[in-house]
C-alpha atoms as a PDB file:
ATOM      1  CA  MET A   1     -11.903 -14.240  -4.737  1.00  0.00           C
ATOM      2  CA  LEU A   2      -8.546 -15.695  -5.636  1.00  0.00           C
ATOM      3  CA  PHE A   3      -6.418 -13.971  -8.272  1.00  0.00           C
ATOM      4  CA  CYS A   4      -3.330 -15.756  -9.668  1.00  0.00           C
ATOM      5  CA  TRP A   5      -0.615 -14.840 -12.124  1.00  0.00           C
ATOM      6  CA  ASP A   6       2.346 -16.855 -13.406  1.00  0.00           C
ATOM      7  CA  ILE A   7       4.916 -14.230 -14.305  1.00  0.00           C
ATOM      8  CA  THR A   8       8.032 -15.140 -16.244  1.00  0.00           C
ATOM      9  CA  ILE A   9      11.000 -12.895 -15.556  1.00  0.00           C
ATOM     10  CA  PRO A  10      13.560 -13.163 -18.353  1.00  0.00           C
ATOM     11  CA  LYS A  11      17.154 -14.039 -17.504  1.00  0.00           C
ATOM     12  CA  GLY A  12      19.406 -11.055 -16.955  1.00  0.00           C
ATOM     13  CA  THR A  13      16.546  -8.564 -16.430  1.00  0.00           C
ATOM     14  CA  THR A  14      18.157  -5.651 -14.575  1.00  0.00           C
ATOM     15  CA  GLU A  15      16.830  -3.402 -11.831  1.00  0.00           C
ATOM     16  CA  ASP A  16      17.374  -0.433 -14.168  1.00  0.00           C
ATOM     17  CA  ASP A  17      15.152  -1.984 -16.865  1.00  0.00           C
ATOM     18  CA  PRO A  18      12.803  -4.330 -14.961  1.00  0.00           C
ATOM     19  CA  LEU A  19       9.851  -6.339 -16.166  1.00  0.00           C
ATOM     20  CA  GLU A  20       6.588  -4.521 -15.404  1.00  0.00           C
ATOM     21  CA  GLN A  21       3.201  -6.192 -15.460  1.00  0.00           C
ATOM     22  CA  THR A  22      -0.233  -4.870 -14.530  1.00  0.00           C
ATOM     23  CA  LEU A  23      -2.254  -7.112 -12.205  1.00  0.00           C
ATOM     24  CA  LYS A  24      -5.987  -6.458 -12.610  1.00  0.00           C
ATOM     25  CA  VAL A  25      -8.148  -7.252  -9.584  1.00  0.00           C
ATOM     26  CA  SER A  26     -11.585  -6.360  -8.230  1.00  0.00           C
ATOM     27  CA  LYS A  27     -12.819  -3.955  -5.593  1.00  0.00           C
ATOM     28  CA  GLY A  28     -12.397  -5.223  -2.055  1.00  0.00           C
ATOM     29  CA  VAL A  29      -9.803  -5.925   0.610  1.00  0.00           C
ATOM     30  CA  VAL A  30      -6.651  -7.953  -0.011  1.00  0.00           C
ATOM     31  CA  VAL A  31      -6.521 -10.367   2.932  1.00  0.00           C
ATOM     32  CA  LYS A  32      -3.706 -12.643   1.772  1.00  0.00           C
ATOM     33  CA  VAL A  33      -0.742 -12.385  -0.567  1.00  0.00           C
ATOM     34  CA  GLN A  34       1.538 -15.203  -1.736  1.00  0.00           C
ATOM     35  CA  PHE A  35       4.678 -15.354  -3.829  1.00  0.00           C
ATOM     36  CA  LYS A  36       5.716 -18.820  -5.031  1.00  0.00           C
ATOM     37  CA  TYR A  37       9.364 -19.215  -5.964  1.00  0.00           C
ATOM     38  CA  PRO A  38      10.372 -22.441  -7.710  1.00  0.00           C
ATOM     39  CA  SER A  39      13.568 -24.299  -6.964  1.00  0.00           C
ATOM     40  CA  GLY A  40      16.546 -22.731  -8.692  1.00  0.00           C
ATOM     41  CA  CYS A  41      15.813 -19.059  -8.033  1.00  0.00           C
ATOM     42  CA  HIS A  42      18.461 -18.977  -5.264  1.00  0.00           C
ATOM     43  CA  GLY A  43      17.271 -15.555  -4.093  1.00  0.00           C
ATOM     44  CA  LEU A  44      18.318 -14.011  -7.411  1.00  0.00           C
ATOM     45  CA  VAL A  45      14.805 -13.399  -8.770  1.00  0.00           C
ATOM     46  CA  LYS A  46      13.275 -10.269  -7.253  1.00  0.00           C
ATOM     47  CA  VAL A  47       9.755  -8.870  -7.265  1.00  0.00           C
ATOM     48  CA  ARG A  48       7.877  -5.996  -5.690  1.00  0.00           C
ATOM     49  CA  ILE A  49       4.318  -4.785  -6.074  1.00  0.00           C
ATOM     50  CA  LEU A  50       3.220  -1.166  -6.299  1.00  0.00           C
ATOM     51  CA  ARG A  51      -0.142   0.559  -6.114  1.00  0.00           C
ATOM     52  CA  LEU A  52      -0.319   4.062  -7.634  1.00  0.00           C
ATOM     53  CA  GLN A  53       3.499   4.428  -7.487  1.00  0.00           C
ATOM     54  CA  SER A  54       3.686   3.407  -3.786  1.00  0.00           C
ATOM     55  CA  GLN A  55       5.446   0.171  -2.929  1.00  0.00           C
ATOM     56  CA  ILE A  56       3.048  -2.181  -1.120  1.00  0.00           C
ATOM     57  CA  TRP A  57       4.855  -5.571  -0.999  1.00  0.00           C
ATOM     58  CA  PRO A  58       7.336  -5.663   0.540  1.00  0.00           C
ATOM     59  CA  LEU A  59       6.435  -2.595   2.544  1.00  0.00           C
ATOM     60  CA  SER A  60      10.075  -1.640   3.136  1.00  0.00           C
ATOM     61  CA  PRO A  61      10.858   0.900   0.381  1.00  0.00           C
ATOM     62  CA  GLY A  62      13.427  -0.104  -2.204  1.00  0.00           C
ATOM     63  CA  GLU A  63      13.520  -3.740  -1.069  1.00  0.00           C
ATOM     64  CA  TRP A  64      12.518  -6.877  -2.976  1.00  0.00           C
ATOM     65  CA  ILE A  65      10.812 -10.184  -2.255  1.00  0.00           C
ATOM     66  CA  THR A  66      13.107 -13.088  -3.095  1.00  0.00           C
ATOM     67  CA  GLY A  67      13.077 -16.812  -2.470  1.00  0.00           C
ATOM     68  CA  ASP A  68      14.023 -20.312  -3.565  1.00  0.00           C
ATOM     69  CA  ASP A  69      11.745 -23.358  -3.556  1.00  0.00           C
ATOM     70  CA  GLU A  70       9.291 -21.710  -1.188  1.00  0.00           C
ATOM     71  CA  ILE A  71       5.991 -19.915  -0.868  1.00  0.00           C
ATOM     72  CA  ILE A  72       6.130 -16.569   0.873  1.00  0.00           C
ATOM     73  CA  ASP A  73       2.721 -16.296   2.462  1.00  0.00           C
ATOM     74  CA  ALA A  74       1.511 -13.238   4.343  1.00  0.00           C
ATOM     75  CA  PRO A  75      -1.812 -12.265   5.856  1.00  0.00           C
ATOM     76  CA  GLU A  76      -2.769  -8.773   4.796  1.00  0.00           C
ATOM     77  CA  TYR A  77      -5.435  -6.117   5.069  1.00  0.00           C
ATOM     78  CA  TYR A  78      -5.114  -3.753   2.135  1.00  0.00           C
ATOM     79  CA  GLU A  79      -8.333  -1.973   1.187  1.00  0.00           C
ATOM     80  CA  PHE A  80      -8.905  -0.377  -2.202  1.00  0.00           C
ATOM     81  CA  LEU A  81     -10.386   3.060  -1.554  1.00  0.00           C
ATOM     82  CA  LYS A  82     -10.923   3.827  -5.235  1.00  0.00           C
ATOM     83  CA  GLY A  83     -10.126   2.528  -8.709  1.00  0.00           C
ATOM     84  CA  PRO A  84      -8.362   1.657 -10.821  1.00  0.00           C
ATOM     85  CA  TYR A  85      -8.296  -1.804  -9.287  1.00  0.00           C
ATOM     86  CA  THR A  86      -4.795  -2.719 -10.367  1.00  0.00           C
ATOM     87  CA  PHE A  87      -1.351  -3.349  -8.966  1.00  0.00           C
ATOM     88  CA  LYS A  88       1.948  -3.099 -10.820  1.00  0.00           C
ATOM     89  CA  LEU A  89       4.401  -5.956 -10.425  1.00  0.00           C
ATOM     90  CA  ILE A  90       8.041  -5.106 -10.991  1.00  0.00           C
ATOM     91  CA  GLY A  91      10.513  -7.942 -11.384  1.00  0.00           C
ATOM     92  CA  CYS A  92      14.150  -8.470 -12.182  1.00  0.00           C
ATOM     93  CA  ALA A  93      16.666 -11.291 -12.277  1.00  0.00           C
ATOM     94  CA  PRO A  94      20.008  -9.633 -13.025  1.00  0.00           C
ATOM     95  CA  SER A  95      22.299 -12.539 -12.155  1.00  0.00           C
ATOM     96  CA  THR A  96      20.328 -15.431 -13.629  1.00  0.00           C
ATOM     97  CA  THR A  97      21.218 -17.574 -16.632  1.00  0.00           C
ATOM     98  CA  TYR A  98      17.686 -18.685 -17.522  1.00  0.00           C
ATOM     99  CA  ASP A  99      14.111 -17.383 -17.250  1.00  0.00           C
ATOM    100  CA  HIS A 100      12.173 -17.975 -14.024  1.00  0.00           C
ATOM    101  CA  THR A 101       8.405 -18.072 -13.486  1.00  0.00           C
ATOM    102  CA  ILE A 102       7.083 -16.700 -10.198  1.00  0.00           C
ATOM    103  CA  THR A 103       3.470 -17.249  -9.139  1.00  0.00           C
ATOM    104  CA  VAL A 104       1.668 -14.383  -7.405  1.00  0.00           C
ATOM    105  CA  ARG A 105      -1.632 -15.000  -5.611  1.00  0.00           C
ATOM    106  CA  LEU A 106      -3.976 -12.487  -3.971  1.00  0.00           C
ATOM    107  CA  VAL A 107      -7.128 -13.241  -1.993  1.00  0.00           C
ATOM    108  CA  ILE A 108      -9.584 -10.345  -2.126  1.00  0.00           C
ATOM    109  CA  LEU A 109     -12.810 -10.255  -0.119  1.00  0.00           C
ATOM    110  CA  PRO A 110     -15.651  -7.752   0.170  1.00  0.00           C
ATOM    111  CA  LYS A 111     -14.976  -5.305   3.011  1.00  0.00           C
ATOM    112  CA  ALA A 112     -17.834  -6.648   5.167  1.00  0.00           C
ATOM    113  CA  VAL A 113     -16.417 -10.174   4.991  1.00  0.00           C
ATOM    114  CA  ALA A 114     -12.757  -9.133   5.308  1.00  0.00           C
ATOM    115  CA  SER A 115     -13.403  -7.208   8.511  1.00  0.00           C
ATOM    116  CA  MET A 116     -14.756 -10.417  10.077  1.00  0.00           C
ATOM    117  CA  ALA A 117     -11.822 -12.623   8.949  1.00  0.00           C
ATOM    118  CA  PRO A 118      -9.585 -12.097  12.033  1.00  0.00           C
ATOM    119  CA  PHE A 119     -12.518 -12.834  14.355  1.00  0.00           C
ATOM    120  CA  LEU A 120     -13.461 -15.988  12.432  1.00  0.00           C
ATOM    121  CA  ASP A 121      -9.850 -17.203  12.462  1.00  0.00           C
ATOM    122  CA  LEU A 122      -9.615 -16.667  16.229  1.00  0.00           C
ATOM    123  CA  LEU A 123     -12.949 -18.402  16.761  1.00  0.00           C
ATOM    124  CA  GLN A 124     -11.801 -21.386  14.690  1.00  0.00           C
ATOM    125  CA  LYS A 125      -8.594 -21.695  16.743  1.00  0.00           C
ATOM    126  CA  LEU A 126     -10.531 -21.458  19.993  1.00  0.00           C
ATOM    127  CA  LEU A 127     -13.021 -24.111  18.925  1.00  0.00           C
ATOM    128  CA  SER A 128     -10.245 -26.473  17.823  1.00  0.00           C
ATOM    129  CA  ARG A 129      -8.570 -26.160  21.247  1.00  0.00           C
ATOM    130  CA  ILE A 130     -11.834 -26.887  23.011  1.00  0.00           C
ATOM    131  CA  SER A 131     -12.750 -29.881  20.844  1.00  0.00           C
ATOM    132  CA  GLY A 132      -9.221 -31.278  20.537  1.00  0.00           C
ATOM    133  CA  PRO A 133      -7.318 -32.287  17.397  1.00  0.00           C
ATOM    134  CA  THR A 134      -9.211 -33.368  14.302  1.00  0.00           C
ATOM    135  CA  GLU A 135      -8.077 -35.102  11.133  1.00  0.00           C
ATOM    136  CA  GLU A 136      -7.602 -31.674   9.524  1.00  0.00           C
ATOM    137  CA  THR A 137      -5.341 -30.344  12.304  1.00  0.00           C
ATOM    138  CA  GLU A 138      -3.221 -33.462  12.826  1.00  0.00           C
END
């Protein structure tokens, strides 16, 4: 299941008074997380995601995810042990002169499927090496 949010962070939003938004998801395992930063952010738009007051992305406490004209894409394995099935996004843009919209994407799979994902990825890579390049891999 793919969950997506376009989140607009108002210009001048400070770290002391950040934007907070609840991201509702479903039970399962987060296997991929993406943050899409449009051109013009220049590393000045910052986001982090928490779960039950613990910072999850980025994992380094007190740090932020930033970017400019890029997608920050990370494989993940974060299992929900119990509800509520929500994350809290915190965002700020203290030095910006206009609003910026960041896109957040999460892929969540049932635990039985998610536990097989690394094996299936490895198998796919192995098969592509054996069979040679295809139109998809060129």
